[in-house]
C-alpha atoms as a PDB file:
ATOM      1  CA  MET A   1       0.000   0.000   0.000  1.00  0.00           C
ATOM      2  CA  PRO A   2       1.440   3.388  -0.975  1.00  0.00           C
ATOM      3  CA  ALA A   3       2.150   5.967   1.708  1.00  0.00           C
ATOM      4  CA  ILE A   4      -0.670   8.495   1.710  1.00  0.00           C
ATOM      5  CA  GLU A   5      -0.309  12.124   2.761  1.00  0.00           C
ATOM      6  CA  PRO A   6      -2.774  13.357   5.404  1.00  0.00           C
ATOM      7  CA  ASP A   7      -4.566  15.723   3.006  1.00  0.00           C
ATOM      8  CA  PHE A   8      -4.870  13.177   0.166  1.00  0.00           C
ATOM      9  CA  ARG A   9      -8.586  12.594   0.867  1.00  0.00           C
ATOM     10  CA  GLN A  10      -9.319  16.320   0.791  1.00  0.00           C
ATOM     11  CA  ARG A  11      -7.521  16.718  -2.556  1.00  0.00           C
ATOM     12  CA  VAL A  12      -9.433  13.767  -4.054  1.00  0.00           C
ATOM     13  CA  GLU A  13     -12.774  15.079  -2.826  1.00  0.00           C
ATOM     14  CA  ALA A  14     -12.000  18.599  -4.089  1.00  0.00           C
ATOM     15  CA  ILE A  15     -11.354  17.316  -7.609  1.00  0.00           C
ATOM     16  CA  VAL A  16     -14.339  14.942  -7.626  1.00  0.00           C
ATOM     17  CA  SER A  17     -16.602  17.839  -6.650  1.00  0.00           C
ATOM     18  CA  GLN A  18     -15.563  19.613  -9.888  1.00  0.00           C
ATOM     19  CA  ILE A  19     -16.205  16.794 -12.395  1.00  0.00           C
ATOM     20  CA  PRO A  20     -18.890  18.130 -14.734  1.00  0.00           C
ATOM     21  CA  ARG A  21     -22.085  16.261 -15.630  1.00  0.00           C
ATOM     22  CA  GLY A  22     -21.581  13.982 -18.591  1.00  0.00           C
ATOM     23  CA  ARG A  23     -17.829  13.577 -17.989  1.00  0.00           C
ATOM     24  CA  VAL A  24     -15.755  11.043 -16.024  1.00  0.00           C
ATOM     25  CA  MET A  25     -12.396  10.610 -14.345  1.00  0.00           C
ATOM     26  CA  THR A  26     -10.589   7.401 -13.427  1.00  0.00           C
ATOM     27  CA  TYR A  27      -9.432   6.289 -10.001  1.00  0.00           C
ATOM     28  CA  GLY A  28      -5.817   6.284 -11.201  1.00  0.00           C
ATOM     29  CA  GLN A  29      -6.131   9.700 -12.791  1.00  0.00           C
ATOM     30  CA  LEU A  30      -7.442  11.117  -9.506  1.00  0.00           C
ATOM     31  CA  ALA A  31      -4.659   9.432  -7.560  1.00  0.00           C
ATOM     32  CA  ALA A  32      -1.986  10.861  -9.884  1.00  0.00           C
ATOM     33  CA  LEU A  33      -3.461  14.372  -9.809  1.00  0.00           C
ATOM     34  CA  CYS A  34      -3.507  14.211  -6.011  1.00  0.00           C
ATOM     35  CA  GLY A  35       0.173  13.304  -5.799  1.00  0.00           C
ATOM     36  CA  ASN A  36       0.264   9.500  -5.635  1.00  0.00           C
ATOM     37  CA  ALA A  37      -0.209   7.712  -8.962  1.00  0.00           C
ATOM     38  CA  ARG A  38      -0.066   4.320  -7.218  1.00  0.00           C
ATOM     39  CA  ALA A  39      -3.031   5.042  -4.941  1.00  0.00           C
ATOM     40  CA  ALA A  40      -5.965   4.227  -7.260  1.00  0.00           C
ATOM     41  CA  ARG A  41      -7.293   1.665  -4.763  1.00  0.00           C
ATOM     42  CA  VAL A  42      -7.119   4.256  -2.010  1.00  0.00           C
ATOM     43  CA  VAL A  43      -9.229   6.563  -4.175  1.00  0.00           C
ATOM     44  CA  GLY A  44     -11.705   3.689  -4.529  1.00  0.00           C
ATOM     45  CA  GLY A  45     -11.855   3.390  -0.752  1.00  0.00           C
ATOM     46  CA  ILE A  46     -12.448   7.108  -0.408  1.00  0.00           C
ATOM     47  CA  ALA A  47     -15.262   6.831  -2.951  1.00  0.00           C
ATOM     48  CA  HIS A  48     -16.815   3.892  -1.121  1.00  0.00           C
ATOM     49  CA  PHE A  49     -16.603   5.342   2.388  1.00  0.00           C
ATOM     50  CA  GLY A  50     -16.375   9.073   1.663  1.00  0.00           C
ATOM     51  CA  ASP A  51     -18.748  11.977   1.324  1.00  0.00           C
ATOM     52  CA  SER A  52     -21.836  10.579  -0.412  1.00  0.00           C
ATOM     53  CA  SER A  53     -22.918  14.050  -1.549  1.00  0.00           C
ATOM     54  CA  LEU A  54     -20.058  14.133  -4.081  1.00  0.00           C
ATOM     55  CA  PRO A  55     -20.590  12.956  -7.680  1.00  0.00           C
ATOM     56  CA  TRP A  56     -18.762   9.629  -7.291  1.00  0.00           C
ATOM     57  CA  GLN A  57     -20.821   8.242 -10.188  1.00  0.00           C
ATOM     58  CA  ARG A  58     -18.464  10.194 -12.433  1.00  0.00           C
ATOM     59  CA  VAL A  59     -15.475   8.081 -11.350  1.00  0.00           C
ATOM     60  CA  VAL A  60     -14.784   4.873 -13.285  1.00  0.00           C
ATOM     61  CA  ASN A  61     -11.930   2.427 -13.710  1.00  0.00           C
ATOM     62  CA  LYS A  62      -9.233   2.930 -16.329  1.00  0.00           C
ATOM     63  CA  GLN A  63     -11.138   0.905 -18.923  1.00  0.00           C
ATOM     64  CA  GLY A  64     -14.331   2.871 -18.263  1.00  0.00           C
ATOM     65  CA  GLY A  65     -15.855   0.126 -16.130  1.00  0.00           C
ATOM     66  CA  LEU A  66     -18.494   0.914 -13.547  1.00  0.00           C
ATOM     67  CA  ALA A  67     -18.110   0.101  -9.845  1.00  0.00           C
ATOM     68  CA  ARG A  68     -19.627  -3.044  -8.362  1.00  0.00           C
ATOM     69  CA  GLY A  69     -19.543  -1.338  -4.957  1.00  0.00           C
ATOM     70  CA  TYR A  70     -21.667   1.610  -6.085  1.00  0.00           C
ATOM     71  CA  PRO A  71     -25.075   1.753  -4.329  1.00  0.00           C
ATOM     72  CA  GLY A  72     -27.247  -0.567  -6.422  1.00  0.00           C
ATOM     73  CA  GLY A  73     -24.147  -2.150  -7.981  1.00  0.00           C
ATOM     74  CA  ARG A  74     -23.120  -1.542 -11.548  1.00  0.00           C
ATOM     75  CA  ALA A  75     -26.791  -1.272 -12.596  1.00  0.00           C
ATOM     76  CA  GLY A  76     -27.272   1.558 -10.083  1.00  0.00           C
ATOM     77  CA  HIS A  77     -24.100   3.226 -11.306  1.00  0.00           C
ATOM     78  CA  ARG A  78     -25.345   2.951 -14.910  1.00  0.00           C
ATOM     79  CA  GLN A  79     -28.745   4.399 -13.988  1.00  0.00           C
ATOM     80  CA  VAL A  80     -27.230   7.524 -12.411  1.00  0.00           C
ATOM     81  CA  LEU A  81     -24.795   8.074 -15.285  1.00  0.00           C
ATOM     82  CA  HIS A  82     -27.547   7.522 -17.848  1.00  0.00           C
ATOM     83  CA  ALA A  83     -29.642  10.183 -16.082  1.00  0.00           C
ATOM     84  CA  GLU A  84     -26.724  12.575 -16.716  1.00  0.00           C
ATOM     85  CA  GLY A  85     -26.700  11.732 -20.427  1.00  0.00           C
ATOM     86  CA  VAL A  86     -23.784   9.277 -20.358  1.00  0.00           C
ATOM     87  CA  ASP A  87     -24.116   6.208 -22.579  1.00  0.00           C
ATOM     88  CA  VAL A  88     -23.227   2.980 -20.789  1.00  0.00           C
ATOM     89  CA  SER A  89     -22.809  -0.276 -22.700  1.00  0.00           C
ATOM     90  CA  ASP A  90     -24.573  -3.527 -21.829  1.00  0.00           C
ATOM     91  CA  ASP A  91     -21.337  -4.708 -20.181  1.00  0.00           C
ATOM     92  CA  TYR A  92     -21.277  -1.613 -17.907  1.00  0.00           C
ATOM     93  CA  GLN A  93     -18.584   0.359 -19.713  1.00  0.00           C
ATOM     94  CA  VAL A  94     -18.401   4.011 -20.736  1.00  0.00           C
ATOM     95  CA  ASP A  95     -16.256   5.415 -23.536  1.00  0.00           C
ATOM     96  CA  VAL A  96     -13.581   6.743 -21.224  1.00  0.00           C
ATOM     97  CA  ALA A  97     -11.504   8.106 -24.130  1.00  0.00           C
ATOM     98  CA  SER A  98     -14.232  10.533 -25.185  1.00  0.00           C
ATOM     99  CA  LEU A  99     -15.603  11.334 -21.706  1.00  0.00           C
ATOM    100  CA  LEU A 100     -12.384  11.783 -19.719  1.00  0.00           C
ATOM    101  CA  TRP A 101     -12.169  15.130 -17.946  1.00  0.00           C
ATOM    102  CA  PHE A 102      -9.075  16.969 -16.749  1.00  0.00           C
ATOM    103  CA  PRO A 103      -9.264  19.897 -14.314  1.00  0.00           C
ATOM    104  CA  ASP A 104      -7.817  23.197 -15.510  1.00  0.00           C
ATOM    105  CA  ASN A 105      -5.425  23.652 -12.600  1.00  0.00           C
END
């Protein structure tokens, strides 16, 4: 497990709060932007146990796969993304290449 700085969670949550509707970020992308590219699983833990008011539905795995641990499972994850206008395939994947978002700063 990579060493995590004390403010890592706050940095992750700050970026997640900015992801626009209809766009996604990956766990690894968030980890790298927050200073620890090897902490994608930690980001997943933050998503699972963190602030539920944040748009965690906009975070997917590096292949665009939806989270089994999302409330309602992958079907619940798909439903919320679909409501935002994101197409999700029958095998619970989004086109991460066209939907990937990068913050300006």
